Amino acid sequence: QVQLVESGGELVQAGDSLRLSCAASGRAFSIYDMAWFRQAPGKQREFVATIKRIRGSTYYADFVKGRFTISSDNAKTTLYLQMNRLTPEDTAVYSCAGTARGHTVYYRIEEREYDYWGQGTQVTVSS
C-alpha cells in the first residue's frame, strides 16, 4: 500500500505563488507515475499535471502550462506542484495521486488510472 499526504494549501491573493507538497510513504518505490488533480466547488475533479517518476518527464493541462511546475525530490518520495500567477479560477481542492500499474509510453491524465490518492489540500485564491 501507498499513503499520500498533501500539504501547502492556503488562502492567497491573485498573482501570488504557492507550492504544494505530497509526501509518499509505504510502498512508494512501487509508484511509476504521479499526478495532481483539482476539484473546484460544484465541478468535477480535473487533471492538472503528471510526472513519470523514473524518467522525470512531465505533462500539463493546457490551463496551467507556463504557470505550474510538477516535480519530485531526488528520493522520489515527495511530489511538488509549484503554482505561479494564481488566479481565482485556480481555487480548488488539490489532490495528488499515484499509480503502480507499470510503465506506459503515454501520460496518464484520467482519474481511473490512479490507485492511490491523498486527502487533498485547499487552495483559495482571492481577487
Protein backbone atom coordinates (compact mmCIF):
# COMPACT_ATOMS: atom_id res chain seq x y z
CA GLN A 1 0.00 0.00 0.00
CA VAL A 2 0.96 3.62 -0.55
CA GLN A 3 -0.03 6.57 1.56
CA LEU A 4 -0.11 10.09 0.13
CA VAL A 5 -0.39 13.23 2.25
CA GLU A 6 -0.67 16.68 0.73
CA SER A 7 0.24 19.97 2.35
CA GLY A 8 0.80 23.58 1.45
CA GLY A 9 -2.66 24.78 0.53
CA GLU A 10 -3.73 28.14 1.88
CA LEU A 11 -5.51 31.40 1.13
CA VAL A 12 -3.51 33.63 -1.21
CA GLN A 13 -4.16 36.64 -3.41
CA ALA A 14 -4.38 36.69 -7.18
CA GLY A 15 -0.91 36.84 -8.70
CA ASP A 16 0.74 35.07 -5.78
CA SER A 17 2.72 31.84 -5.89
CA LEU A 18 2.25 28.69 -3.84
CA ARG A 19 4.00 25.33 -3.62
CA LEU A 20 2.09 22.19 -2.75
CA SER A 21 3.77 19.06 -1.44
CA CYS A 22 2.70 15.43 -1.42
CA ALA A 23 4.61 13.02 0.79
CA ALA A 24 4.53 9.36 -0.24
CA SER A 25 5.11 6.57 2.25
CA GLY A 26 4.61 2.83 2.43
CA ARG A 27 5.48 1.12 -0.86
CA ALA A 28 6.31 4.42 -2.51
CA PHE A 29 9.05 2.74 -4.53
CA SER A 30 6.36 0.88 -6.47
CA ILE A 31 4.87 4.05 -7.95
CA TYR A 32 5.51 4.72 -11.63
CA ASP A 33 3.52 7.87 -12.29
CA MET A 34 2.23 10.60 -10.03
CA ALA A 35 -0.13 13.44 -10.72
CA TRP A 36 -2.01 16.42 -9.35
CA PHE A 37 -5.74 16.79 -9.82
CA ARG A 38 -8.03 19.51 -8.55
CA GLN A 39 -11.71 19.93 -7.80
CA ALA A 40 -13.35 23.32 -7.66
CA PRO A 41 -16.67 23.83 -5.85
CA GLY A 42 -19.53 22.43 -7.88
CA LYS A 43 -17.24 20.99 -10.55
CA GLN A 44 -15.80 17.61 -11.39
CA ARG A 45 -12.25 16.79 -10.46
CA GLU A 46 -9.84 17.63 -13.28
CA PHE A 47 -6.31 16.73 -14.27
CA VAL A 48 -3.60 19.30 -13.59
CA ALA A 49 -0.18 17.72 -14.19
CA THR A 50 1.64 14.40 -14.16
CA ILE A 51 5.21 13.19 -13.90
CA LYS A 52 6.85 9.90 -14.75
CA ARG A 53 8.99 9.23 -11.72
CA ILE A 54 11.73 7.23 -13.44
CA ARG A 55 12.27 9.46 -16.45
CA GLY A 56 11.08 12.67 -14.85
CA SER A 57 9.11 13.69 -17.92
CA THR A 58 6.05 15.84 -17.34
CA TYR A 59 2.74 16.74 -18.92
CA TYR A 60 0.31 19.55 -18.08
CA ALA A 61 -3.27 20.52 -18.64
CA ASP A 62 -3.50 23.40 -21.08
CA PHE A 63 -4.86 25.80 -18.49
CA VAL A 64 -1.74 25.57 -16.31
CA LYS A 65 1.02 25.45 -18.89
CA GLY A 66 3.66 28.04 -18.18
CA ARG A 67 2.30 28.75 -14.69
CA PHE A 68 2.57 25.43 -12.80
CA THR A 69 5.51 23.06 -12.48
CA ILE A 70 5.34 19.48 -11.24
CA SER A 71 8.47 17.90 -9.79
CA SER A 72 9.71 15.36 -7.28
CA ASP A 73 12.68 15.17 -4.95
CA ASN A 74 15.72 13.01 -5.67
CA ALA A 75 14.45 10.26 -3.38
CA LYS A 76 11.18 10.21 -5.36
CA THR A 77 9.18 10.29 -2.15
CA THR A 78 7.83 13.82 -2.31
CA LEU A 79 5.85 15.33 -5.15
CA TYR A 80 5.60 19.08 -5.61
CA LEU A 81 3.41 21.48 -7.52
CA GLN A 82 4.81 24.97 -7.90
CA MET A 83 1.97 27.31 -8.81
CA ASN A 84 2.71 30.82 -10.07
CA ARG A 85 0.48 33.69 -11.17
CA LEU A 86 -2.50 32.21 -9.39
CA THR A 87 -6.00 33.39 -10.30
CA PRO A 88 -9.34 32.95 -8.52
CA GLU A 89 -10.13 30.25 -11.10
CA ASP A 90 -7.38 28.15 -9.53
CA THR A 91 -9.37 27.90 -6.29
CA ALA A 92 -9.92 24.19 -5.61
CA VAL A 93 -9.00 21.21 -3.50
CA TYR A 94 -5.76 19.86 -4.93
CA SER A 95 -5.09 16.14 -4.61
CA CYS A 96 -2.07 14.09 -5.51
CA ALA A 97 -2.37 10.62 -6.98
CA GLY A 98 -0.09 7.74 -7.79
CA THR A 99 -0.19 4.51 -9.71
CA ALA A 100 1.85 1.31 -9.58
CA ARG A 101 0.38 -0.20 -12.74
CA GLY A 102 3.67 -0.12 -14.56
CA HIS A 103 5.28 1.90 -17.28
CA THR A 104 3.34 3.41 -20.17
CA VAL A 105 4.51 5.47 -23.11
CA TYR A 106 1.57 7.83 -22.75
CA TYR A 107 0.82 10.25 -19.94
CA ARG A 108 -1.89 9.19 -17.51
CA ILE A 109 -4.43 12.01 -17.23
CA GLU A 110 -7.57 10.11 -16.18
CA GLU A 111 -8.60 9.58 -12.55
CA ARG A 112 -9.32 5.91 -13.17
CA GLU A 113 -5.65 5.31 -13.99
CA TYR A 114 -4.54 6.15 -10.46
CA ASP A 115 -4.86 3.83 -7.49
CA TYR A 116 -3.58 5.94 -4.63
CA TRP A 117 -4.95 9.30 -3.55
CA GLY A 118 -4.25 11.83 -0.85
CA GLN A 119 -6.93 13.59 1.14
CA GLY A 120 -6.44 16.89 -0.67
CA THR A 121 -5.35 20.37 0.32
CA GLN A 122 -7.44 23.51 -0.12
CA VAL A 123 -6.11 26.34 -2.26
CA THR A 124 -8.12 29.54 -2.22
CA VAL A 125 -7.18 32.49 -4.40
CA SER A 126 -8.83 35.80 -3.64
CA SER A 127 -9.24 38.55 -6.22
